Amino acid sequence: MTAAISELSPSPRILMGPGPSDVHPRVLRAMATPLIGHLDPEFLTLMNETQQLLRYVFQTQNTLTFAVSGTGSAGMETCVVNLVEPGDRMVVCVNGVFGQRMVDVAQRAGAEVTVLERPWGDVFPLEQIREVLRQVRPKVLGIVHAETSTGACQPMDGLGELCHEFDTLLLVDTVTSLAGIPVAVDRWQADAVYSGTQKCLSAPPGLAPVTFSPRAVETIHRRKHRVQSWYLDVSLVERYWGQERFYHHTAPITMIYALREALRLVQEEGLENRFARHQLHHRALRAGLAALGIRYAAVEGHQLPQLNAVWIPAGADDAITRKMLLERFGIEIGGGLGEFKGKVWRIGLMGYSCRANNVLLFLAALEQCLLAQGLRFPEGAAVAAANRVYRESGFATAG
């Protein structure tokens, strides 16, 4: 006889890794809302409102803006498989794990992929991209705005104009950046942009916001071959999210509730205030880590405020430290991926997780973990350094 399974009761956690982030209580309450049908007129109104809010956060007027039923990787695949046909040339910029993933997705879609590489933690200068566009003349250029594996932030100014110069579509990964740092789709002149709900939006994983420019939509409608994925075929999905409301699949209703509420929170706070909040708590965290002699992995001047990738200090054990943080303090941070595996910690300050109490608790807990492993530094130095940042900024540390 199968043993009885106990009631769900996970241990309390503070999510300060690379995702998911802590979900805002209002989002959790929204998820408890009773279901209505996915073609109910009231639900269709909620879809319209969600699209309106997504355009606000993406800073775009694109009509074709919606949430893919799937995680951020489904957003990546949606953008790639709809823009690329077998034999099309695509350039992918790779300086971390998620650029590598885009290469894999594009190759599976039949693209002839040219990989442009930079060292992990570095970013791509415009002239390097110009040269590969001149040589390859690709249909699509794919690039990661916020590389989650390295904590590097790719400058976007001028990239859209450059792609237009070569009649290339610009595809951008904003999974970790959306609602944490500026994502300006129209100003960037980006053609296809995707994200995820579980990072700076602070909703559960499960939806992938995407937006397509009129130029991208025209490209999709001119395809010679059917999209390899029926489920992710935008020419079909847009009939459900558009005016026609043609049935495609049963939408994840509860996740739409969650995303809508998460977006409402962003709108209430205001984008500029939200970006400033992420910068402030990043500066406090950075000061605290510096007091412990911990350095950032991404190049100076291009470090993400919401995803802090730092070198593990000499004498500290990666797995032991993260285990102590989780078991003693209920704090989750991430380890390194790929080339950075065992070399960096990834500390997230995303959305609802981006708060002073989390910064100060984490720094105090990290000090204990490192002292227990024999590292030496002035006790209390990290918290004191962070508090100086808060004091100088005029921020009340109770918030």
Protein backbone atom coordinates (compact mmCIF):
# COMPACT_ATOMS: atom_id res chain seq x y z
CA MET A 1 0.00 0.00 0.00
CA THR A 2 1.34 3.46 -0.92
CA ALA A 3 2.29 5.55 2.10
CA ALA A 4 0.22 8.64 2.76
CA ILE A 5 1.74 11.85 1.41
CA SER A 6 1.84 14.70 3.90
CA GLU A 7 0.29 18.10 3.34
CA LEU A 8 2.46 20.51 1.34
CA SER A 9 4.54 22.59 3.75
CA PRO A 10 7.91 23.73 2.32
CA SER A 11 10.40 25.43 4.62
CA PRO A 12 10.38 29.24 4.56
CA ARG A 13 12.98 30.61 2.16
CA ILE A 14 14.37 33.98 1.15
CA LEU A 15 15.02 33.65 -2.58
CA MET A 16 18.19 35.57 -3.41
CA GLY A 17 19.43 33.41 -6.24
CA PRO A 18 19.23 33.87 -10.02
CA GLY A 19 15.52 33.04 -10.03
CA PRO A 20 12.87 32.54 -9.02
CA SER A 21 12.59 35.57 -6.78
CA ASP A 22 10.23 35.97 -3.85
CA VAL A 23 6.65 36.37 -5.03
CA HIS A 24 4.84 39.48 -3.80
CA PRO A 25 1.99 38.69 -1.36
CA ARG A 26 -0.49 40.48 -3.62
CA VAL A 27 0.47 38.17 -6.47
CA LEU A 28 -0.06 35.13 -4.26
CA ARG A 29 -3.50 36.45 -3.30
CA ALA A 30 -4.36 37.00 -6.96
CA MET A 31 -3.50 33.37 -7.65
CA ALA A 32 -6.15 32.26 -5.15
CA THR A 33 -8.85 33.92 -7.28
CA PRO A 34 -11.42 31.39 -8.54
CA LEU A 35 -11.03 30.30 -12.14
CA ILE A 36 -13.16 31.51 -14.99
CA GLY A 37 -13.07 30.14 -18.51
CA HIS A 38 -10.25 31.07 -20.87
CA LEU A 39 -12.82 32.38 -23.39
CA ASP A 40 -15.05 34.05 -20.79
CA PRO A 41 -15.60 37.72 -21.74
CA GLU A 42 -14.27 38.81 -18.34
CA PHE A 43 -11.08 36.80 -18.84
CA LEU A 44 -10.61 38.27 -22.31
CA THR A 45 -10.75 41.70 -20.68
CA LEU A 46 -8.06 40.60 -18.22
CA MET A 47 -5.94 39.51 -21.19
CA ASN A 48 -6.33 42.94 -22.77
CA GLU A 49 -5.27 44.59 -19.52
CA THR A 50 -2.27 42.27 -19.24
CA GLN A 51 -1.18 43.19 -22.76
CA GLN A 52 -1.56 46.88 -21.98
CA LEU A 53 0.60 46.51 -18.87
CA LEU A 54 3.21 44.46 -20.75
CA ARG A 55 3.54 47.24 -23.32
CA TYR A 56 4.15 49.66 -20.46
CA VAL A 57 6.91 47.52 -18.94
CA PHE A 58 8.49 46.71 -22.32
CA GLN A 59 8.18 50.42 -23.25
CA THR A 60 6.67 49.59 -26.62
CA GLN A 61 3.63 50.25 -28.76
CA ASN A 62 3.89 46.86 -30.47
CA THR A 63 0.44 45.40 -31.08
CA LEU A 64 1.73 41.82 -30.91
CA THR A 65 2.70 41.77 -27.24
CA PHE A 66 1.52 38.87 -25.10
CA ALA A 67 2.56 36.14 -22.65
CA VAL A 68 3.64 32.77 -24.01
CA SER A 69 2.31 29.84 -21.98
CA GLY A 70 5.69 28.56 -20.81
CA THR A 71 8.81 29.72 -18.99
CA GLY A 72 11.44 32.15 -20.28
CA SER A 73 13.06 29.47 -22.41
CA ALA A 74 9.71 29.06 -24.20
CA GLY A 75 9.91 32.78 -24.94
CA MET A 76 13.36 32.30 -26.45
CA GLU A 77 12.15 29.41 -28.57
CA THR A 78 9.03 31.30 -29.66
CA CYS A 79 11.08 34.20 -30.96
CA VAL A 80 13.67 32.06 -32.70
CA VAL A 81 11.43 29.50 -34.40
CA ASN A 82 9.04 32.15 -35.70
CA LEU A 83 11.72 34.39 -37.20
CA VAL A 84 14.07 31.70 -38.51
CA GLU A 85 13.41 29.29 -41.36
CA PRO A 86 15.69 26.41 -42.41
CA GLY A 87 18.80 27.78 -44.08
CA ASP A 88 18.46 31.33 -42.73
CA ARG A 89 21.62 32.94 -41.43
CA MET A 90 21.62 33.99 -37.78
CA VAL A 91 24.36 35.54 -35.65
CA VAL A 92 24.22 34.81 -31.91
CA CYS A 93 26.35 36.72 -29.40
CA VAL A 94 27.68 34.33 -26.75
CA ASN A 95 29.29 35.46 -23.49
CA GLY A 96 27.50 33.08 -21.13
CA VAL A 97 25.11 30.15 -20.79
CA PHE A 98 22.02 31.78 -22.26
CA GLY A 99 23.73 32.90 -25.43
CA GLN A 100 24.84 29.27 -25.81
CA ARG A 101 21.24 28.16 -25.33
CA MET A 102 20.08 30.51 -28.08
CA VAL A 103 22.63 28.93 -30.43
CA ASP A 104 21.22 25.49 -29.68
CA VAL A 105 17.63 26.62 -30.26
CA ALA A 106 18.55 28.32 -33.55
CA GLN A 107 20.43 25.31 -34.84
CA ARG A 108 17.48 23.05 -34.02
CA ALA A 109 15.30 25.44 -36.05
CA GLY A 110 17.58 24.89 -39.04
CA ALA A 111 19.44 28.19 -38.97
CA GLU A 112 23.00 28.57 -40.24
CA VAL A 113 24.41 30.00 -37.01
CA THR A 114 27.48 32.19 -36.72
CA VAL A 115 28.66 32.47 -33.12
CA LEU A 116 30.21 35.76 -31.99
CA GLU A 117 32.03 35.28 -28.68
CA ARG A 118 33.37 37.38 -25.83
CA PRO A 119 34.93 36.17 -22.56
CA TRP A 120 32.41 35.34 -19.86
CA GLY A 121 31.57 38.46 -17.87
CA ASP A 122 32.44 40.75 -20.79
CA VAL A 123 30.09 42.56 -23.22
CA PHE A 124 30.08 43.11 -26.98
CA PRO A 125 31.36 46.40 -28.45
CA LEU A 126 29.29 47.78 -31.30
CA GLU A 127 32.17 47.63 -33.76
CA GLN A 128 32.68 43.89 -33.23
CA ILE A 129 29.00 43.32 -33.98
CA ARG A 130 29.17 45.62 -37.02
CA GLU A 131 32.01 43.59 -38.49
CA VAL A 132 30.19 40.25 -38.19
CA LEU A 133 27.00 41.75 -39.63
CA ARG A 134 29.00 43.09 -42.56
CA GLN A 135 30.55 39.69 -43.20
CA VAL A 136 27.54 37.42 -42.63
CA ARG A 137 24.53 39.64 -43.55
CA PRO A 138 22.26 37.56 -41.29
CA LYS A 139 18.49 37.58 -41.15
CA VAL A 140 18.56 37.71 -37.32
CA LEU A 141 21.00 38.88 -34.65
CA GLY A 142 20.39 37.38 -31.20
CA ILE A 143 21.85 38.90 -28.04
CA VAL A 144 21.32 38.63 -24.27
CA HIS A 145 20.68 41.94 -22.51
CA ALA A 146 21.21 40.61 -18.97
CA GLU A 147 23.33 37.46 -18.93
CA THR A 148 22.13 35.56 -15.86
CA SER A 149 25.16 33.27 -15.74
CA THR A 150 27.72 36.11 -15.49
CA GLY A 151 25.89 39.19 -14.20
CA ALA A 152 26.90 41.23 -17.27
CA CYS A 153 24.65 43.91 -18.77
CA GLN A 154 24.95 44.39 -22.54
CA PRO A 155 24.74 48.02 -23.75
CA MET A 156 21.93 48.33 -26.31
CA ASP A 157 22.31 51.90 -27.59
CA GLY A 158 22.90 51.95 -31.34
CA LEU A 159 22.40 48.22 -31.84
CA GLY A 160 18.94 48.52 -33.37
CA GLU A 161 20.08 51.16 -35.85
CA LEU A 162 23.05 48.96 -36.75
CA CYS A 163 20.81 45.97 -37.42
CA HIS A 164 18.50 48.07 -39.58
CA GLU A 165 21.52 49.20 -41.59
CA PHE A 166 22.14 45.56 -42.55
CA ASP A 167 18.43 44.62 -42.86
CA THR A 168 18.82 42.31 -39.86
CA LEU A 169 16.17 41.57 -37.26
CA LEU A 170 17.24 42.24 -33.65
CA LEU A 171 16.25 39.55 -31.12
CA VAL A 172 16.88 40.34 -27.44
CA ASP A 173 16.78 38.18 -24.29
CA THR A 174 15.47 40.30 -21.37
CA VAL A 175 14.58 37.44 -19.02
CA THR A 176 16.58 38.88 -16.11
CA SER A 177 16.34 42.58 -17.02
CA LEU A 178 12.62 43.28 -17.53
CA ALA A 179 11.28 45.47 -14.66
CA GLY A 180 14.70 45.59 -12.98
CA ILE A 181 16.65 47.84 -15.33
CA PRO A 182 15.44 49.82 -18.36
CA VAL A 183 14.12 47.72 -21.25
CA ALA A 184 13.17 50.17 -24.00
CA VAL A 185 11.99 48.03 -26.91
CA ASP A 186 10.90 50.85 -29.21
CA ARG A 187 13.89 53.10 -28.48
CA TRP A 188 16.23 50.13 -29.03
CA GLN A 189 14.44 49.40 -32.34
CA ALA A 190 14.34 45.75 -31.27
CA ASP A 191 12.22 43.37 -33.35
CA ALA A 192 11.60 40.44 -31.01
CA VAL A 193 12.08 40.53 -27.24
CA TYR A 194 11.27 37.89 -24.64
CA SER A 195 11.36 37.66 -20.86
CA GLY A 196 10.14 35.58 -17.92
CA THR A 197 7.82 36.15 -14.99
CA GLN A 198 9.97 34.73 -12.19
CA LYS A 199 12.76 37.29 -11.99
CA CYS A 200 12.25 41.06 -11.58
CA LEU A 201 8.48 40.77 -12.10
CA SER A 202 8.31 38.58 -8.95
CA ALA A 203 5.59 36.24 -10.18
CA PRO A 204 5.97 32.45 -10.29
CA PRO A 205 7.69 30.89 -13.30
CA GLY A 206 5.30 29.81 -16.01
CA LEU A 207 4.80 32.62 -18.51
CA ALA A 208 7.16 34.29 -20.99
CA PRO A 209 6.23 37.86 -22.00
CA VAL A 210 7.15 38.53 -25.64
CA THR A 211 6.78 41.44 -28.02
CA PHE A 212 7.22 41.62 -31.80
CA SER A 213 7.77 44.73 -33.92
CA PRO A 214 5.69 45.32 -37.08
CA ARG A 215 8.80 44.35 -39.08
CA ALA A 216 9.02 41.03 -37.22
CA VAL A 217 5.30 40.37 -37.69
CA GLU A 218 5.66 40.97 -41.41
CA THR A 219 8.56 38.51 -41.49
CA ILE A 220 6.47 35.87 -39.71
CA HIS A 221 3.55 36.34 -42.10
CA ARG A 222 5.87 35.99 -45.13
CA ARG A 223 7.28 32.62 -44.04
CA LYS A 224 7.68 29.97 -46.73
CA HIS A 225 7.65 27.09 -44.25
CA ARG A 226 5.35 26.39 -41.34
CA VAL A 227 6.80 27.06 -37.91
CA GLN A 228 8.26 23.79 -36.60
CA SER A 229 6.29 24.13 -33.34
CA TRP A 230 2.48 24.19 -33.56
CA TYR A 231 2.22 25.30 -29.93
CA LEU A 232 4.59 28.26 -30.35
CA ASP A 233 3.45 29.32 -33.84
CA VAL A 234 2.79 33.04 -33.41
CA SER A 235 0.58 33.17 -36.50
CA LEU A 236 -1.81 30.88 -34.61
CA VAL A 237 -1.35 32.23 -31.07
CA GLU A 238 -1.91 35.85 -32.17
CA ARG A 239 -5.45 34.91 -33.21
CA TYR A 240 -6.19 34.10 -29.55
CA TRP A 241 -4.47 37.14 -28.05
CA GLY A 242 -5.73 39.42 -30.85
CA GLN A 243 -9.19 40.68 -31.78
CA GLU A 244 -10.32 37.37 -33.26
CA ARG A 245 -10.10 35.45 -29.94
CA PHE A 246 -9.82 32.20 -31.86
CA TYR A 247 -9.23 29.18 -29.60
CA HIS A 248 -5.65 27.94 -29.71
CA HIS A 249 -4.96 26.34 -26.31
CA THR A 250 -6.34 26.57 -22.79
CA ALA A 251 -4.54 29.51 -21.27
CA PRO A 252 -2.94 29.13 -17.80
CA ILE A 253 -5.61 31.28 -16.18
CA THR A 254 -4.11 31.46 -12.69
CA MET A 255 -0.74 32.51 -14.11
CA ILE A 256 -2.41 35.31 -16.09
CA TYR A 257 -3.95 36.47 -12.81
CA ALA A 258 -0.48 36.42 -11.27
CA LEU A 259 1.21 38.27 -14.13
CA ARG A 260 -1.49 40.92 -14.28
CA GLU A 261 -1.09 41.66 -10.56
CA ALA A 262 2.71 41.66 -10.79
CA LEU A 263 2.50 44.17 -13.64
CA ARG A 264 0.06 46.31 -11.67
CA LEU A 265 2.65 46.47 -8.89
CA VAL A 266 5.28 47.64 -11.37
CA GLN A 267 2.95 50.33 -12.69
CA GLU A 268 2.07 51.52 -9.18
CA GLU A 269 5.72 51.83 -8.21
CA GLY A 270 6.68 53.42 -11.52
CA LEU A 271 9.49 52.19 -13.73
CA GLU A 272 12.02 54.87 -12.74
CA ASN A 273 11.38 54.32 -9.03
CA ARG A 274 11.70 50.58 -9.51
CA PHE A 275 14.99 50.91 -11.35
CA ALA A 276 16.29 53.26 -8.64
CA ARG A 277 15.31 50.75 -5.93
CA HIS A 278 17.28 47.99 -7.62
CA GLN A 279 20.31 50.29 -7.98
CA LEU A 280 20.21 51.39 -4.33
CA HIS A 281 20.11 47.90 -2.85
CA HIS A 282 22.75 46.74 -5.33
CA ARG A 283 25.07 49.52 -4.16
CA ALA A 284 24.52 48.53 -0.53
CA LEU A 285 25.17 44.87 -1.30
CA ARG A 286 28.24 45.73 -3.35
CA ALA A 287 29.67 47.83 -0.52
CA GLY A 288 29.10 45.02 1.96
CA LEU A 289 30.73 42.43 -0.28
CA ALA A 290 33.70 44.74 -0.90
CA ALA A 291 34.20 44.97 2.86
CA LEU A 292 34.67 41.19 2.82
CA GLY A 293 37.13 41.38 -0.08
CA ILE A 294 34.65 39.87 -2.56
CA ARG A 295 34.91 41.04 -6.19
CA TYR A 296 32.43 41.04 -9.06
CA ALA A 297 32.82 38.70 -12.03
CA ALA A 298 31.38 40.98 -14.73
CA VAL A 299 33.49 43.76 -16.19
CA GLU A 300 33.41 47.09 -14.41
CA GLY A 301 30.69 49.43 -15.64
CA HIS A 302 28.53 46.59 -16.99
CA GLN A 303 27.41 44.83 -13.81
CA LEU A 304 23.75 44.04 -13.31
CA PRO A 305 22.20 45.47 -10.13
CA GLN A 306 19.63 42.67 -9.89
CA LEU A 307 21.99 39.72 -10.49
CA ASN A 308 25.28 40.02 -8.65
CA ALA A 309 27.80 37.44 -9.85
CA VAL A 310 30.85 37.49 -7.57
CA TRP A 311 34.05 35.49 -7.32
CA ILE A 312 34.10 33.03 -4.44
CA PRO A 313 36.83 34.21 -2.05
CA ALA A 314 39.90 32.06 -1.45
CA GLY A 315 39.36 29.74 1.48
CA ALA A 316 35.59 29.53 1.07
CA ASP A 317 33.89 26.37 -0.17
CA ASP A 318 31.11 26.99 -2.68
CA ALA A 319 28.77 24.15 -1.72
CA ILE A 320 29.40 24.40 2.04
CA THR A 321 28.67 28.15 2.06
CA ARG A 322 25.46 27.86 0.09
CA LYS A 323 24.33 24.93 2.24
CA MET A 324 24.97 26.89 5.44
CA LEU A 325 23.06 29.90 4.10
CA LEU A 326 20.10 27.70 3.19
CA GLU A 327 19.97 25.49 6.29
CA ARG A 328 20.87 28.05 8.96
CA PHE A 329 19.30 31.19 7.57
CA GLY A 330 16.80 30.02 4.94
CA ILE A 331 18.59 32.06 2.26
CA GLU A 332 19.02 30.69 -1.25
CA ILE A 333 21.74 32.00 -3.55
CA GLY A 334 22.94 30.45 -6.79
CA GLY A 335 26.18 28.77 -7.76
CA GLY A 336 28.04 29.26 -11.01
CA LEU A 337 27.14 27.72 -14.37
CA GLY A 338 29.33 26.59 -17.23
CA GLU A 339 32.78 28.22 -17.13
CA PHE A 340 31.87 29.81 -13.80
CA LYS A 341 30.80 26.60 -12.07
CA GLY A 342 32.44 26.42 -8.65
CA LYS A 343 33.99 29.86 -9.14
CA VAL A 344 31.19 32.36 -8.57
CA TRP A 345 28.10 32.93 -6.48
CA ARG A 346 25.06 34.53 -8.07
CA ILE A 347 23.18 36.76 -5.65
CA GLY A 348 19.79 37.97 -6.82
CA LEU A 349 18.12 41.22 -5.82
CA MET A 350 15.12 40.94 -8.09
CA GLY A 351 11.68 42.44 -7.72
CA TYR A 352 10.16 41.75 -4.30
CA SER A 353 13.43 40.16 -3.12
CA CYS A 354 15.19 43.51 -3.63
CA ARG A 355 14.79 44.95 -0.12
CA ALA A 356 17.11 46.34 2.55
CA ASN A 357 16.18 43.69 5.10
CA ASN A 358 17.26 40.97 2.67
CA VAL A 359 20.55 42.73 1.92
CA LEU A 360 21.43 43.21 5.58
CA LEU A 361 20.37 39.69 6.63
CA PHE A 362 22.32 38.12 3.78
CA LEU A 363 25.51 40.06 4.56
CA ALA A 364 25.31 39.18 8.26
CA ALA A 365 24.66 35.52 7.43
CA LEU A 366 27.47 35.40 4.85
CA GLU A 367 29.89 36.81 7.42
CA GLN A 368 29.04 33.97 9.81
CA CYS A 369 29.44 31.35 7.07
CA LEU A 370 32.83 32.68 6.03
CA LEU A 371 34.11 33.12 9.58
CA ALA A 372 33.14 29.52 10.30
CA GLN A 373 35.41 28.47 7.41
CA GLY A 374 38.39 30.39 8.79
CA LEU A 375 38.26 33.55 6.70
CA ARG A 376 39.31 36.69 8.52
CA PHE A 377 37.94 40.22 8.27
CA PRO A 378 36.60 42.81 10.76
CA GLU A 379 33.39 41.34 12.14
CA GLY A 380 30.33 43.38 11.19
CA ALA A 381 32.21 45.12 8.38
CA ALA A 382 29.81 44.06 5.63
CA VAL A 383 26.64 45.22 7.38
CA ALA A 384 28.31 48.46 8.43
CA ALA A 385 29.38 49.19 4.84
CA ALA A 386 25.87 48.53 3.53
CA ASN A 387 24.35 50.72 6.22
CA ARG A 388 26.66 53.57 5.23
CA VAL A 389 25.25 53.41 1.71
CA TYR A 390 21.70 53.47 3.06
CA ARG A 391 22.47 56.31 5.45
CA GLU A 392 24.17 58.43 2.80
CA SER A 393 21.27 57.86 0.40
CA GLY A 394 18.73 58.97 3.00
CA PHE A 395 17.08 55.57 2.90
CA ALA A 396 15.44 54.22 6.09
CA THR A 397 16.88 50.76 6.65
CA ALA A 398 13.61 49.47 8.03
CA GLY A 399 12.11 49.52 4.51
